[in-house]
Amino acid sequence: MGAQVRVLIFSNLWPSSEAPTHGSFIEERWRRIAERTGWELRVIHPLPRYPRFPGRGLAARHARLPAREERGGVQIDYPRYWHVPRFGTARHAERVRRGTRRAFFQVLKSYSPHLIDAQYLWPDACAVVPLACERRIPVVATARGSDVNVLPEHPLVRRQMQRILPQATRLAAVSPALARALARILDQGQDSVAVLPNGVDLSLFGKEAERVEGRVVCVARLLPGKALHLLIEALAEPAAKSVRELRLIGAGPERGRLERIAAEKGVQDRVLFCGELSRTEVAEELAAASLFAFPSRREGWPNAVLEALASGLPVLACGIGGIPDIARGCSALRLLPLEAGGGAWGQALGEELSRLGDAEAALRGAARRRAGELSWDSVLEGTIAFYESALRMGAKRG
């Protein structure tokens, strides 16, 4: 299969001129596939239209986007659909389907894709799978995290996923844990869901730099599920006195609450909110840190952990989602239980920084070796083979 293959990516996770880091891991996957195979790419990025102006943050930036733009030689369409946050969850996929239907079929006329790739199950895959089936175009649906770990807790969402997703040509997830969970939701065998992990860019995140002693970094959106308050609370523990600075890289609605917690705990001088940074800036931050801490409570296959390992950083993380699979055989990645509180995190931070004194070279080497096993070069061949199999299955059905 060569340059004649045209792929249409349907996802709300794709970078844009207004949000250049949003969904960058999906863009990187497809950019690398296109470079290797010569396949042509086009993107439909559905955007919600709210009953009132969305205020600040990602929604406001997305509201400023035009109907269409080009990024890196790939044309991106931004069809809008009406959505009411919090109250419209059960009908989210239906609203996306109705709002994007016209744009979707217009793209089919001018582009005629051989394959549709839906990244994120809800609402994206559940919106586009029925549309793809109308035209008998093979469609792949990929699970990435909260679309399996959180959203199916809503009974109506779960039932729609159980009805729609089995119609996809192939199903995938970014970690073994997500694949198992999705198979259970759909009451299918585990082998019905392929595992397609994200890779890590060793050329960007493998650079050497002078480390700042006692600097702990976390890269995450400032959301409740990321549990970043645990790191701030940990700084107040005597065991964590060796943490000279905690740098939180990311933006989100939790920032105000986290700043208040830092002030209440008296550690505001040791916490720096860096905001959203470019990937190059993130790589520079990781290269200068001593330790990476990641207390998130719900994850699929966190790219931030891979990037920290590639940067030679020991990692302290909660043992959930795909993180235990990343940690397998890696002495540089220590897992804490889900129930660990600020005290336990403070103790662990102090222990890990102390461990660096005697075993820094060994830990950094172990981190980089594990990242090398999970690089894009290591995972790309299997990813391409998966999409080629979907194309063959679609051709047989057609």
Protein backbone atom coordinates (compact mmCIF):
# COMPACT_ATOMS: atom_id res chain seq x y z
CA MET A 1 0.00 0.00 0.00
CA GLY A 2 1.58 3.26 -1.07
CA ALA A 3 1.05 6.91 -1.78
CA GLN A 4 -2.46 6.46 -3.16
CA VAL A 5 -3.91 5.82 0.32
CA ARG A 6 -5.93 8.75 1.66
CA VAL A 7 -6.75 8.89 5.37
CA LEU A 8 -9.36 11.12 6.99
CA ILE A 9 -8.73 11.72 10.70
CA PHE A 10 -11.84 12.62 12.71
CA SER A 11 -10.97 13.91 16.17
CA ASN A 12 -11.32 16.81 18.58
CA LEU A 13 -7.69 16.09 19.53
CA TRP A 14 -5.56 17.81 16.90
CA PRO A 15 -3.32 20.88 17.10
CA SER A 16 -4.41 24.16 15.54
CA SER A 17 -3.12 27.70 15.11
CA GLU A 18 -4.90 28.66 18.34
CA ALA A 19 -3.96 25.55 20.37
CA PRO A 20 -0.71 24.22 18.87
CA THR A 21 -0.07 21.59 21.58
CA HIS A 22 -3.62 20.21 21.86
CA GLY A 23 -3.50 16.59 20.66
CA SER A 24 0.07 16.93 19.38
CA PHE A 25 0.70 13.22 20.07
CA ILE A 26 -1.92 12.23 17.48
CA GLU A 27 -0.52 14.64 14.93
CA GLU A 28 2.96 13.25 15.53
CA ARG A 29 1.77 9.67 15.08
CA TRP A 30 0.15 10.45 11.74
CA ARG A 31 2.98 12.69 10.55
CA ARG A 32 5.41 9.82 11.09
CA ILE A 33 3.10 7.32 9.39
CA ALA A 34 2.74 9.64 6.39
CA GLU A 35 6.51 10.14 6.16
CA ARG A 36 7.06 6.37 6.22
CA THR A 37 4.23 5.36 3.85
CA GLY A 38 3.50 8.38 1.66
CA TRP A 39 -0.17 8.30 2.69
CA GLU A 40 -2.16 11.50 2.31
CA LEU A 41 -3.87 13.04 5.35
CA ARG A 42 -6.85 15.30 5.98
CA VAL A 43 -8.51 16.18 9.29
CA ILE A 44 -12.03 16.95 10.47
CA HIS A 45 -11.80 18.58 13.90
CA PRO A 46 -15.33 19.08 15.30
CA LEU A 47 -15.70 22.14 17.53
CA PRO A 48 -18.53 22.89 19.97
CA ARG A 49 -20.61 26.03 19.64
CA TYR A 50 -21.82 27.05 23.09
CA PRO A 51 -25.06 28.87 23.99
CA ARG A 52 -22.92 31.71 25.34
CA PHE A 53 -19.32 32.84 24.81
CA PRO A 54 -17.04 30.19 26.33
CA GLY A 55 -14.89 32.68 28.26
CA ARG A 56 -11.20 31.90 28.57
CA GLY A 57 -9.18 28.75 28.05
CA LEU A 58 -9.18 26.12 25.30
CA ALA A 59 -12.84 26.65 24.35
CA ALA A 60 -12.26 30.36 23.77
CA ARG A 61 -9.20 29.68 21.62
CA HIS A 62 -11.09 27.12 19.56
CA ALA A 63 -13.94 29.60 19.09
CA ARG A 64 -11.52 31.90 17.24
CA LEU A 65 -10.59 29.29 14.63
CA PRO A 66 -11.78 29.71 11.02
CA ALA A 67 -13.86 27.14 9.17
CA ARG A 68 -10.70 25.67 7.64
CA GLU A 69 -6.94 26.04 7.86
CA GLU A 70 -3.78 24.22 6.85
CA ARG A 71 -1.12 22.99 9.24
CA GLY A 72 2.05 21.25 8.13
CA GLY A 73 0.60 20.58 4.69
CA VAL A 74 -2.55 18.98 6.13
CA GLN A 75 -5.95 20.58 5.57
CA ILE A 76 -8.11 20.79 8.71
CA ASP A 77 -11.86 21.44 8.64
CA TYR A 78 -13.58 22.83 11.75
CA PRO A 79 -17.32 22.13 11.53
CA ARG A 80 -19.31 23.45 14.51
CA TYR A 81 -22.05 21.77 16.52
CA TRP A 82 -24.22 22.98 19.40
CA HIS A 83 -23.27 21.67 22.82
CA VAL A 84 -24.30 22.38 26.41
CA PRO A 85 -21.42 21.46 28.78
CA ARG A 86 -22.24 19.10 31.66
CA PHE A 87 -25.89 18.77 30.61
CA GLY A 88 -25.34 17.39 27.10
CA THR A 89 -23.11 14.39 27.79
CA ALA A 90 -25.59 11.68 26.77
CA ARG A 91 -26.35 13.41 23.45
CA HIS A 92 -22.84 14.61 22.71
CA ALA A 93 -22.10 12.08 19.95
CA GLU A 94 -25.48 12.72 18.32
CA ARG A 95 -24.86 16.48 18.34
CA VAL A 96 -21.42 16.03 16.79
CA ARG A 97 -22.86 13.73 14.12
CA ARG A 98 -25.61 16.16 13.20
CA GLY A 99 -23.36 19.20 13.29
CA THR A 100 -20.59 17.67 11.17
CA ARG A 101 -22.68 15.57 8.77
CA ARG A 102 -22.72 18.12 5.94
CA ALA A 103 -19.00 18.91 6.25
CA PHE A 104 -18.19 15.19 6.44
CA PHE A 105 -19.95 14.32 3.19
CA GLN A 106 -18.54 17.40 1.46
CA VAL A 107 -15.05 16.21 2.35
CA LEU A 108 -15.89 12.74 1.02
CA LYS A 109 -16.81 14.25 -2.36
CA SER A 110 -13.55 16.16 -2.77
CA TYR A 111 -11.15 13.85 -0.95
CA SER A 112 -12.59 10.30 -1.20
CA PRO A 113 -10.71 8.69 1.73
CA HIS A 114 -9.79 5.02 1.83
CA LEU A 115 -9.79 4.97 5.64
CA ILE A 116 -11.27 7.01 8.49
CA ASP A 117 -9.43 7.19 11.80
CA ALA A 118 -11.46 8.28 14.84
CA GLN A 119 -9.20 9.22 17.73
CA TYR A 120 -11.16 9.18 21.01
CA LEU A 121 -14.26 7.05 21.42
CA TRP A 122 -16.68 9.61 22.83
CA PRO A 123 -17.98 11.62 21.19
CA ASP A 124 -15.73 11.35 18.12
CA ALA A 125 -15.85 7.66 17.19
CA CYS A 126 -19.49 7.25 18.18
CA ALA A 127 -20.31 10.26 16.00
CA VAL A 128 -18.42 9.23 12.86
CA VAL A 129 -18.70 5.42 12.78
CA PRO A 130 -22.36 5.51 11.62
CA LEU A 131 -21.49 8.11 8.96
CA ALA A 132 -18.60 5.99 7.69
CA CYS A 133 -20.82 2.90 7.61
CA GLU A 134 -23.33 4.75 5.41
CA ARG A 135 -20.65 4.97 2.71
CA ARG A 136 -19.01 1.63 3.54
CA ILE A 137 -15.67 3.26 4.32
CA PRO A 138 -13.45 1.34 6.77
CA VAL A 139 -13.18 3.16 10.08
CA VAL A 140 -10.84 2.66 13.03
CA ALA A 141 -11.77 3.79 16.56
CA THR A 142 -9.04 4.35 19.16
CA ALA A 143 -9.46 4.62 22.94
CA ARG A 144 -7.13 7.02 24.73
CA GLY A 145 -8.10 7.31 28.40
CA SER A 146 -11.15 8.94 29.93
CA ASP A 147 -13.25 7.75 26.98
CA VAL A 148 -12.94 4.30 28.62
CA ASN A 149 -12.05 5.10 32.23
CA VAL A 150 -14.66 7.79 32.93
CA LEU A 151 -17.33 8.42 30.30
CA PRO A 152 -18.82 4.88 30.19
CA GLU A 153 -19.83 5.37 33.84
CA HIS A 154 -22.74 7.33 32.34
CA PRO A 155 -25.31 4.58 31.50
CA LEU A 156 -26.58 6.24 28.30
CA VAL A 157 -23.05 6.82 27.03
CA ARG A 158 -22.13 3.22 27.78
CA ARG A 159 -25.15 1.84 25.90
CA GLN A 160 -24.41 3.97 22.84
CA MET A 161 -20.79 2.83 22.84
CA GLN A 162 -21.92 -0.79 23.08
CA ARG A 163 -24.27 -0.28 20.13
CA ILE A 164 -22.03 1.78 17.83
CA LEU A 165 -18.40 0.79 18.38
CA PRO A 166 -18.74 -2.88 17.27
CA GLN A 167 -19.62 -1.49 13.81
CA ALA A 168 -16.08 -0.11 13.44
CA THR A 169 -13.73 -2.02 11.16
CA ARG A 170 -11.13 -2.27 13.91
CA LEU A 171 -10.76 -1.09 17.50
CA ALA A 172 -7.58 0.00 19.24
CA ALA A 173 -6.38 1.41 22.56
CA VAL A 174 -3.14 3.08 23.56
CA SER A 175 -2.41 0.71 26.46
CA PRO A 176 -3.10 -2.92 27.41
CA ALA A 177 -5.16 -1.77 30.41
CA LEU A 178 -7.43 0.34 28.19
CA ALA A 179 -7.75 -2.50 25.68
CA ARG A 180 -8.90 -4.87 28.41
CA ALA A 181 -11.36 -2.32 29.79
CA LEU A 182 -12.84 -1.58 26.36
CA ALA A 183 -13.23 -5.28 25.59
CA ARG A 184 -15.15 -5.70 28.86
CA ILE A 185 -17.43 -2.74 28.08
CA LEU A 186 -18.26 -4.19 24.66
CA ASP A 187 -18.44 -7.77 25.98
CA GLN A 188 -15.87 -8.90 23.42
CA GLY A 189 -12.70 -10.94 23.58
CA GLN A 190 -9.56 -9.05 24.56
CA ASP A 191 -7.98 -9.77 21.17
CA SER A 192 -10.74 -7.70 19.54
CA VAL A 193 -8.94 -4.52 20.66
CA ALA A 194 -5.41 -3.92 19.39
CA VAL A 195 -2.83 -2.08 21.49
CA LEU A 196 -1.24 0.89 19.67
CA PRO A 197 0.91 2.81 22.16
CA ASN A 198 2.16 6.30 21.48
CA GLY A 199 5.89 6.54 20.96
CA VAL A 200 8.32 9.16 22.20
CA ASP A 201 10.61 11.43 20.20
CA LEU A 202 14.13 10.63 21.42
CA SER A 203 15.70 13.37 19.31
CA LEU A 204 13.64 16.04 21.09
CA PHE A 205 13.55 14.66 24.63
CA GLY A 206 16.94 12.96 24.84
CA LYS A 207 19.17 16.02 25.06
CA GLU A 208 21.64 16.57 27.88
CA ALA A 209 21.58 19.69 30.06
CA GLU A 210 22.77 20.79 33.48
CA ARG A 211 20.38 19.52 36.15
CA VAL A 212 19.02 21.80 38.87
CA GLU A 213 19.32 20.03 42.21
CA GLY A 214 16.01 19.53 44.01
CA ARG A 215 13.85 20.61 41.06
CA VAL A 216 10.73 18.46 40.58
CA VAL A 217 8.65 18.85 37.42
CA CYS A 218 5.16 17.73 36.45
CA VAL A 219 3.63 18.16 32.99
CA ALA A 220 -0.16 17.92 33.07
CA ARG A 221 -3.30 19.90 32.43
CA LEU A 222 -4.51 21.56 35.62
CA LEU A 223 -7.61 19.41 36.05
CA PRO A 224 -9.12 17.72 39.14
CA GLY A 225 -8.29 14.21 37.93
CA LYS A 226 -4.59 15.04 37.72
CA ALA A 227 -4.49 15.32 41.55
CA LEU A 228 -1.77 17.97 41.47
CA HIS A 229 -2.80 19.15 44.92
CA LEU A 230 -1.00 16.08 46.28
CA LEU A 231 2.35 17.42 45.09
CA ILE A 232 1.72 20.81 46.68
CA GLU A 233 0.61 19.21 49.94
CA ALA A 234 3.69 16.98 49.78
CA LEU A 235 6.00 20.00 49.87
CA ALA A 236 4.75 20.83 53.36
CA GLU A 237 5.98 17.46 54.65
CA PRO A 238 9.34 17.45 56.47
CA ALA A 239 10.43 14.47 54.37
CA ALA A 240 10.18 16.63 51.21
CA LYS A 241 12.42 19.46 52.40
CA SER A 242 14.96 18.49 49.69
CA VAL A 243 12.43 19.60 47.04
CA ARG A 244 13.63 23.12 46.38
CA GLU A 245 11.19 23.84 43.58
CA LEU A 246 8.07 22.25 42.09
CA ARG A 247 7.39 23.36 38.52
CA LEU A 248 3.88 22.65 37.20
CA ILE A 249 3.75 22.83 33.41
CA GLY A 250 0.27 23.12 31.96
CA ALA A 251 -2.88 25.22 32.04
CA GLY A 252 -6.40 24.53 33.22
CA PRO A 253 -9.28 25.50 35.50
CA GLU A 254 -7.63 24.14 38.67
CA ARG A 255 -4.90 26.78 38.79
CA GLY A 256 -6.70 29.11 41.19
CA ARG A 257 -7.46 26.32 43.65
CA LEU A 258 -3.90 25.00 43.48
CA GLU A 259 -2.49 28.47 44.14
CA ARG A 260 -4.72 28.76 47.22
CA ILE A 261 -3.56 25.37 48.51
CA ALA A 262 0.07 26.41 48.06
CA ALA A 263 -0.59 29.59 50.07
CA GLU A 264 -2.47 27.70 52.80
CA LYS A 265 0.39 25.21 53.13
CA GLY A 266 2.99 27.99 53.16
CA VAL A 267 4.87 26.58 50.16
CA GLN A 268 3.92 29.17 47.54
CA ASP A 269 7.57 30.25 47.21
CA ARG A 270 8.50 26.70 46.14
CA VAL A 271 5.75 26.23 43.54
CA LEU A 272 6.01 27.74 40.06
CA PHE A 273 3.08 27.64 37.64
CA CYS A 274 4.73 27.66 34.21
CA GLY A 275 1.55 27.64 32.13
CA GLU A 276 1.26 25.90 28.77
CA LEU A 277 4.60 25.52 26.98
CA SER A 278 5.64 24.40 23.52
CA ARG A 279 7.06 20.91 23.13
CA THR A 280 10.56 22.34 22.75
CA GLU A 281 10.15 24.33 25.96
CA VAL A 282 8.83 21.23 27.76
CA ALA A 283 11.90 19.30 26.60
CA GLU A 284 14.15 22.04 28.01
CA GLU A 285 12.30 21.97 31.35
CA LEU A 286 12.64 18.19 31.62
CA ALA A 287 16.31 18.30 30.72
CA ALA A 288 17.00 20.66 33.64
CA ALA A 289 14.96 18.81 36.29
CA SER A 290 16.04 16.28 38.91
CA LEU A 291 12.82 14.29 39.19
CA PHE A 292 9.45 13.93 37.44
CA ALA A 293 6.32 13.46 39.58
CA PHE A 294 2.95 12.46 38.15
CA PRO A 295 0.09 11.89 40.66
CA SER A 296 -2.72 11.66 38.07
CA ARG A 297 -5.59 9.36 39.08
CA ARG A 298 -6.80 8.39 35.59
CA GLU A 299 -4.58 7.86 32.57
CA GLY A 300 -4.38 5.89 29.37
CA TRP A 301 -0.78 5.98 28.12
CA PRO A 302 0.62 9.28 29.42
CA ASN A 303 3.02 10.89 26.97
CA ALA A 304 4.44 13.06 29.74
CA VAL A 305 5.84 9.98 31.50
CA LEU A 306 7.46 8.72 28.29
CA GLU A 307 9.00 12.13 27.64
CA ALA A 308 10.37 12.31 31.19
CA LEU A 309 12.02 8.90 30.82
CA ALA A 310 13.48 9.90 27.45
CA SER A 311 14.94 12.96 29.20
CA GLY A 312 16.74 10.65 31.62
CA LEU A 313 14.49 11.56 34.56
CA PRO A 314 13.54 9.18 37.35
CA VAL A 315 9.74 9.15 37.58
CA LEU A 316 7.39 8.93 40.55
CA ALA A 317 3.83 8.15 39.43
CA CYS A 318 0.53 6.66 40.49
CA GLY A 319 0.26 3.04 39.36
CA ILE A 320 -2.87 3.36 37.24
CA GLY A 321 -3.87 2.90 33.59
CA GLY A 322 -0.98 2.15 31.28
CA ILE A 323 1.70 3.41 33.68
CA PRO A 324 2.48 -0.05 35.17
CA ASP A 325 3.08 -1.28 31.61
CA ILE A 326 5.48 1.60 30.99
CA ALA A 327 7.21 0.83 34.31
CA ARG A 328 7.73 -2.86 33.53
CA GLY A 329 11.41 -3.70 34.03
CA CYS A 330 12.38 -0.05 34.64
CA SER A 331 14.08 0.75 37.94
CA ALA A 332 13.76 4.48 37.24
CA LEU A 333 9.95 4.48 37.50
CA ARG A 334 8.51 4.07 40.98
CA LEU A 335 4.78 3.53 41.45
CA LEU A 336 2.67 4.78 44.35
CA PRO A 337 -0.75 3.32 45.19
CA LEU A 338 -3.92 5.14 44.19
CA GLU A 339 -4.77 5.87 47.83
CA ALA A 340 -1.44 7.62 48.55
CA GLY A 341 -2.01 11.07 50.04
CA GLY A 342 0.15 14.15 50.39
CA GLY A 343 2.14 12.60 53.22
CA ALA A 344 3.05 9.52 51.20
CA TRP A 345 3.98 11.66 48.20
CA GLY A 346 6.16 13.86 50.39
CA GLN A 347 7.97 10.82 51.77
CA ALA A 348 8.46 9.37 48.28
CA LEU A 349 9.75 12.65 46.81
CA GLY A 350 12.36 12.91 49.54
CA GLU A 351 13.42 9.29 49.09
CA GLU A 352 13.75 9.57 45.31
CA LEU A 353 15.83 12.75 45.48
CA SER A 354 18.03 11.10 48.10
CA ARG A 355 18.42 8.02 45.90
CA LEU A 356 19.80 10.21 43.12
CA GLY A 357 22.89 10.92 45.19
CA ASP A 358 24.14 7.34 45.01
CA ALA A 359 22.58 5.98 41.85
CA GLU A 360 21.96 8.94 39.55
CA ALA A 361 23.84 7.58 36.54
CA ALA A 362 22.20 4.15 36.83
CA LEU A 363 18.71 5.61 37.19
CA ARG A 364 19.10 8.00 34.28
CA GLY A 365 20.47 5.18 32.13
CA ALA A 366 17.53 2.93 33.06
CA ALA A 367 15.08 5.71 32.19
CA ARG A 368 16.60 6.27 28.76
CA ARG A 369 16.77 2.54 27.99
CA ARG A 370 13.08 2.12 28.72
CA ALA A 371 12.24 5.17 26.61
CA GLY A 372 14.26 3.67 23.77
CA GLU A 373 12.09 0.55 23.91
CA LEU A 374 9.02 2.79 23.54
CA SER A 375 10.32 5.21 20.91
CA TRP A 376 8.41 5.98 17.73
CA ASP A 377 10.89 3.87 15.77
CA SER A 378 10.00 0.92 18.01
CA VAL A 379 6.20 1.19 17.75
CA LEU A 380 5.61 2.64 14.27
CA GLU A 381 5.92 -0.58 12.25
CA GLY A 382 3.18 -2.29 14.26
CA THR A 383 0.96 0.80 14.02
CA ILE A 384 1.24 0.91 10.23
CA ALA A 385 0.54 -2.82 9.99
CA PHE A 386 -2.63 -2.30 12.05
CA TYR A 387 -3.97 0.39 9.71
CA GLU A 388 -3.06 -1.69 6.66
CA SER A 389 -5.09 -4.57 8.11
CA ALA A 390 -8.07 -2.22 8.53
CA LEU A 391 -7.76 -1.21 4.88
CA ARG A 392 -7.72 -4.87 3.80
CA MET A 393 -10.72 -5.71 5.99
CA GLY A 394 -12.61 -2.73 4.59
CA ALA A 395 -11.85 -3.81 1.02
CA LYS A 396 -13.23 -7.30 1.72
CA ARG A 397 -16.42 -5.91 3.29
CA GLY A 398 -16.87 -3.42 0.46
